[in-house]
Amino acid sequence: MSTKHSSLNDMENQESLKTGVDAQLDNIGFEIDEISAHRVAGHFVVSLKACQPFKVLHGGVSAMIAEGIASMGAHIACGFQRVAGIQLNINHLKPAELGDLVWEVQLWKNDLSKSKDKIVISSSTVTLICNRPIPEHSKAVAEKLKNMFGKL
């Protein structure tokens, strides 16, 4: 019985993470599906807010997503200290067009040769510095993640 209750709480915690952790990702409709110190995954539908004038996903949006989800995972992994991106390298491989569901945005090491039925639209490497002090205006978000994942 307590296992079910714990699982239900975990599911509710995961559900509440879909918004409020990263305002820029919220603005484009990005939803987080899974978050931990080892993996962050999510999805969104390419909307006009995320497109360049030719109605394809703007490369800057891909970069924003890469740094955003990498920072979330690193924040948890380094004991909920502040992280800051210091280098971002992104390669745009295929376009994502207006209305496309980008359904598997992930932070993890991936062997692209094993991505059979998937179209990889971009690949990125993010370098972060950890253990920075958290500014006052960011403490609410940091506390939200810490409360959800403090048992890691």
Foldseek 3Di string as FASTA:
>chain_A
DVVVVVVVVLVVLQQVQQDDQDVVCVVQVWGWNDAELAKTKTKGAGAPVQDDPVQWGDPVVVQVVVVVRVQRSVCRNVPNFHKDWDDKDKDFDAIHGHGDIGGTDMPHDDDVVPPPPDDDGMDMDTDMDTRDHDDPVNVVSSVSSCVSHVVD
